[in-house]
Amino acid sequence: MWRGGGGGGACLAVWFKTRGVKIKAIALPSAFSALLGITEAAIFGINLRFLKPFIAALIGGRQAAPGWSRCMCT
């Protein structure tokens, strides 16, 4: 269910909304790497710390590719 666009977008949202310098320093590189397909930094570094971006990334990732689950089953 997790897609790079959903996780990267959630990290960008955290980067825009937070005021903490340490979180901002982690969120932007995590978003960039998630958009390129490496999602571990986004998942474990940002989105699991905050529940709302994690859930939004899951929903957004599912909506981004609705036919993906059907393709994997065949």
N, C-alpha and C. Protein backbone atom coordinates (compact mmCIF):
# COMPACT_ATOMS: atom_id res chain seq x y z
N MET A 1 0.79 -1.20 0.00
CA MET A 1 0.00 0.00 0.00
C MET A 1 0.84 1.27 0.00
N TRP A 2 2.07 1.18 0.42
CA TRP A 2 2.91 2.37 0.54
C TRP A 2 3.52 2.69 -0.82
N ARG A 3 3.37 3.90 -1.27
CA ARG A 3 3.98 4.35 -2.51
C ARG A 3 4.89 5.52 -2.19
N GLY A 4 5.90 5.73 -3.02
CA GLY A 4 6.85 6.81 -2.79
C GLY A 4 6.21 8.19 -2.81
N GLY A 5 5.23 8.38 -3.68
CA GLY A 5 4.56 9.67 -3.75
C GLY A 5 3.79 10.00 -2.49
N GLY A 6 3.13 9.00 -1.93
CA GLY A 6 2.37 9.23 -0.69
C GLY A 6 3.28 9.53 0.48
N GLY A 7 4.33 8.75 0.63
CA GLY A 7 5.28 8.98 1.72
C GLY A 7 6.06 10.26 1.56
N GLY A 8 6.46 10.54 0.32
CA GLY A 8 7.19 11.78 0.07
C GLY A 8 6.33 13.01 0.29
N GLY A 9 5.08 12.93 -0.12
CA GLY A 9 4.16 14.03 0.11
C GLY A 9 3.88 14.26 1.59
N ALA A 10 3.78 13.16 2.35
CA ALA A 10 3.56 13.29 3.79
C ALA A 10 4.78 13.93 4.46
N CYS A 11 5.97 13.56 4.03
CA CYS A 11 7.19 14.18 4.58
C CYS A 11 7.27 15.65 4.22
N LEU A 12 6.88 16.00 3.01
CA LEU A 12 6.87 17.42 2.64
C LEU A 12 5.87 18.19 3.48
N ALA A 13 4.72 17.58 3.76
CA ALA A 13 3.73 18.25 4.61
C ALA A 13 4.28 18.47 6.02
N VAL A 14 4.99 17.47 6.54
CA VAL A 14 5.61 17.63 7.86
C VAL A 14 6.66 18.73 7.81
N TRP A 15 7.43 18.78 6.74
CA TRP A 15 8.46 19.81 6.60
C TRP A 15 7.85 21.21 6.58
N PHE A 16 6.70 21.37 5.89
CA PHE A 16 6.05 22.67 5.83
C PHE A 16 5.41 23.05 7.16
N LYS A 17 4.83 22.09 7.87
CA LYS A 17 4.04 22.39 9.05
C LYS A 17 4.84 22.48 10.35
N THR A 18 5.97 21.81 10.43
CA THR A 18 6.69 21.77 11.70
C THR A 18 7.54 23.02 11.90
N ARG A 19 7.84 23.27 13.15
CA ARG A 19 8.73 24.39 13.49
C ARG A 19 10.05 23.90 14.05
N GLY A 20 10.13 22.61 14.35
CA GLY A 20 11.35 22.05 14.91
C GLY A 20 12.46 21.94 13.87
N VAL A 21 13.62 22.43 14.23
CA VAL A 21 14.75 22.44 13.30
C VAL A 21 15.22 21.02 13.00
N LYS A 22 15.25 20.15 14.01
CA LYS A 22 15.71 18.78 13.79
C LYS A 22 14.77 18.00 12.87
N ILE A 23 13.47 18.19 13.06
CA ILE A 23 12.50 17.51 12.21
C ILE A 23 12.58 18.03 10.78
N LYS A 24 12.74 19.33 10.62
CA LYS A 24 12.88 19.90 9.28
C LYS A 24 14.13 19.36 8.57
N ALA A 25 15.20 19.17 9.35
CA ALA A 25 16.44 18.67 8.76
C ALA A 25 16.31 17.22 8.29
N ILE A 26 15.41 16.48 8.89
CA ILE A 26 15.20 15.09 8.49
C ILE A 26 14.13 14.97 7.42
N ALA A 27 13.09 15.82 7.49
CA ALA A 27 11.92 15.66 6.63
C ALA A 27 12.21 15.92 5.16
N LEU A 28 12.94 16.95 4.83
CA LEU A 28 13.17 17.28 3.42
C LEU A 28 14.00 16.21 2.70
N PRO A 29 15.14 15.76 3.23
CA PRO A 29 15.85 14.68 2.54
C PRO A 29 15.05 13.37 2.49
N SER A 30 14.26 13.11 3.52
CA SER A 30 13.41 11.92 3.51
C SER A 30 12.36 12.00 2.42
N ALA A 31 11.78 13.17 2.24
CA ALA A 31 10.79 13.36 1.19
C ALA A 31 11.42 13.17 -0.19
N PHE A 32 12.59 13.74 -0.39
CA PHE A 32 13.28 13.61 -1.67
C PHE A 32 13.60 12.15 -1.99
N SER A 33 14.13 11.42 -1.01
CA SER A 33 14.46 10.02 -1.26
C SER A 33 13.20 9.17 -1.45
N ALA A 34 12.11 9.51 -0.75
CA ALA A 34 10.86 8.76 -0.93
C ALA A 34 10.28 8.97 -2.32
N LEU A 35 10.40 10.18 -2.83
CA LEU A 35 9.91 10.44 -4.18
C LEU A 35 10.73 9.69 -5.23
N LEU A 36 11.96 9.36 -4.89
CA LEU A 36 12.80 8.57 -5.80
C LEU A 36 12.64 7.07 -5.59
N GLY A 37 11.89 6.66 -4.57
CA GLY A 37 11.60 5.25 -4.37
C GLY A 37 12.22 4.62 -3.14
N ILE A 38 13.06 5.34 -2.42
CA ILE A 38 13.67 4.80 -1.20
C ILE A 38 12.86 5.33 -0.03
N THR A 39 11.95 4.51 0.49
CA THR A 39 10.96 5.01 1.43
C THR A 39 11.28 4.75 2.90
N GLU A 40 12.38 4.06 3.19
CA GLU A 40 12.66 3.70 4.59
C GLU A 40 12.86 4.93 5.47
N ALA A 41 13.59 5.92 4.96
CA ALA A 41 13.82 7.13 5.76
C ALA A 41 12.51 7.87 6.02
N ALA A 42 11.63 7.87 5.06
CA ALA A 42 10.35 8.55 5.25
C ALA A 42 9.47 7.79 6.24
N ILE A 43 9.45 6.48 6.14
CA ILE A 43 8.60 5.69 7.03
C ILE A 43 9.11 5.77 8.46
N PHE A 44 10.36 5.40 8.66
CA PHE A 44 10.88 5.27 10.02
C PHE A 44 11.38 6.59 10.61
N GLY A 45 11.81 7.51 9.77
CA GLY A 45 12.34 8.77 10.28
C GLY A 45 11.29 9.80 10.59
N ILE A 46 10.23 9.85 9.78
CA ILE A 46 9.23 10.91 9.94
C ILE A 46 7.83 10.36 10.21
N ASN A 47 7.35 9.52 9.34
CA ASN A 47 5.92 9.21 9.35
C ASN A 47 5.47 8.32 10.50
N LEU A 48 6.35 7.52 11.06
CA LEU A 48 5.94 6.73 12.22
C LEU A 48 5.98 7.55 13.51
N ARG A 49 6.67 8.67 13.50
CA ARG A 49 6.67 9.56 14.67
C ARG A 49 5.33 10.29 14.78
N PHE A 50 4.74 10.59 13.63
CA PHE A 50 3.49 11.33 13.60
C PHE A 50 2.44 10.45 12.92
N LEU A 51 1.33 10.25 13.56
CA LEU A 51 0.33 9.30 13.06
C LEU A 51 -0.43 9.82 11.85
N LYS A 52 -0.78 11.09 11.85
CA LYS A 52 -1.58 11.63 10.74
C LYS A 52 -0.87 11.56 9.38
N PRO A 53 0.41 11.94 9.27
CA PRO A 53 1.06 11.81 7.96
C PRO A 53 1.20 10.36 7.50
N PHE A 54 1.38 9.45 8.45
CA PHE A 54 1.51 8.05 8.09
C PHE A 54 0.21 7.52 7.48
N ILE A 55 -0.90 7.82 8.12
CA ILE A 55 -2.20 7.38 7.61
C ILE A 55 -2.52 8.07 6.29
N ALA A 56 -2.21 9.34 6.18
CA ALA A 56 -2.44 10.07 4.93
C ALA A 56 -1.60 9.49 3.79
N ALA A 57 -0.38 9.07 4.09
CA ALA A 57 0.47 8.47 3.06
C ALA A 57 -0.08 7.13 2.61
N LEU A 58 -0.61 6.34 3.53
CA LEU A 58 -1.21 5.07 3.15
C LEU A 58 -2.43 5.27 2.26
N ILE A 59 -3.28 6.21 2.63
CA ILE A 59 -4.48 6.47 1.83
C ILE A 59 -4.09 7.06 0.48
N GLY A 60 -3.17 8.01 0.48
CA GLY A 60 -2.73 8.62 -0.77
C GLY A 60 -2.03 7.65 -1.69
N GLY A 61 -1.25 6.76 -1.12
CA GLY A 61 -0.58 5.75 -1.93
C GLY A 61 -1.55 4.78 -2.56
N ARG A 62 -2.60 4.45 -1.84
CA ARG A 62 -3.61 3.54 -2.38
C ARG A 62 -4.40 4.23 -3.49
N GLN A 63 -4.69 5.49 -3.33
CA GLN A 63 -5.45 6.22 -4.34
C GLN A 63 -4.60 6.50 -5.58
N ALA A 64 -3.30 6.55 -5.42
CA ALA A 64 -2.41 6.87 -6.55
C ALA A 64 -2.39 5.75 -7.59
N ALA A 65 -2.53 4.53 -7.15
CA ALA A 65 -2.47 3.40 -8.09
C ALA A 65 -3.56 2.39 -7.73
N PRO A 66 -4.83 2.67 -8.09
CA PRO A 66 -5.91 1.78 -7.67
C PRO A 66 -5.84 0.40 -8.31
N GLY A 67 -5.23 0.25 -9.45
CA GLY A 67 -5.18 -1.05 -10.11
C GLY A 67 -3.97 -1.87 -9.72
N TRP A 68 -3.10 -1.36 -8.87
CA TRP A 68 -1.87 -2.06 -8.51
C TRP A 68 -2.13 -3.39 -7.84
N SER A 69 -3.09 -3.46 -6.95
CA SER A 69 -3.35 -4.70 -6.23
C SER A 69 -3.90 -5.77 -7.17
N ARG A 70 -4.64 -5.36 -8.17
CA ARG A 70 -5.15 -6.35 -9.14
C ARG A 70 -4.02 -6.87 -10.00
N CYS A 71 -3.05 -6.02 -10.33
CA CYS A 71 -1.93 -6.45 -11.17
C CYS A 71 -1.03 -7.44 -10.42
N MET A 72 -0.88 -7.27 -9.13
CA MET A 72 0.00 -8.14 -8.36
C MET A 72 -0.61 -9.54 -8.16
N CYS A 73 -1.93 -9.64 -8.27
CA CYS A 73 -2.59 -10.93 -8.01
C CYS A 73 -2.58 -11.85 -9.21
N THR A 74 -2.34 -11.35 -10.40
CA THR A 74 -2.41 -12.19 -11.59
C THR A 74 -1.10 -12.82 -11.92
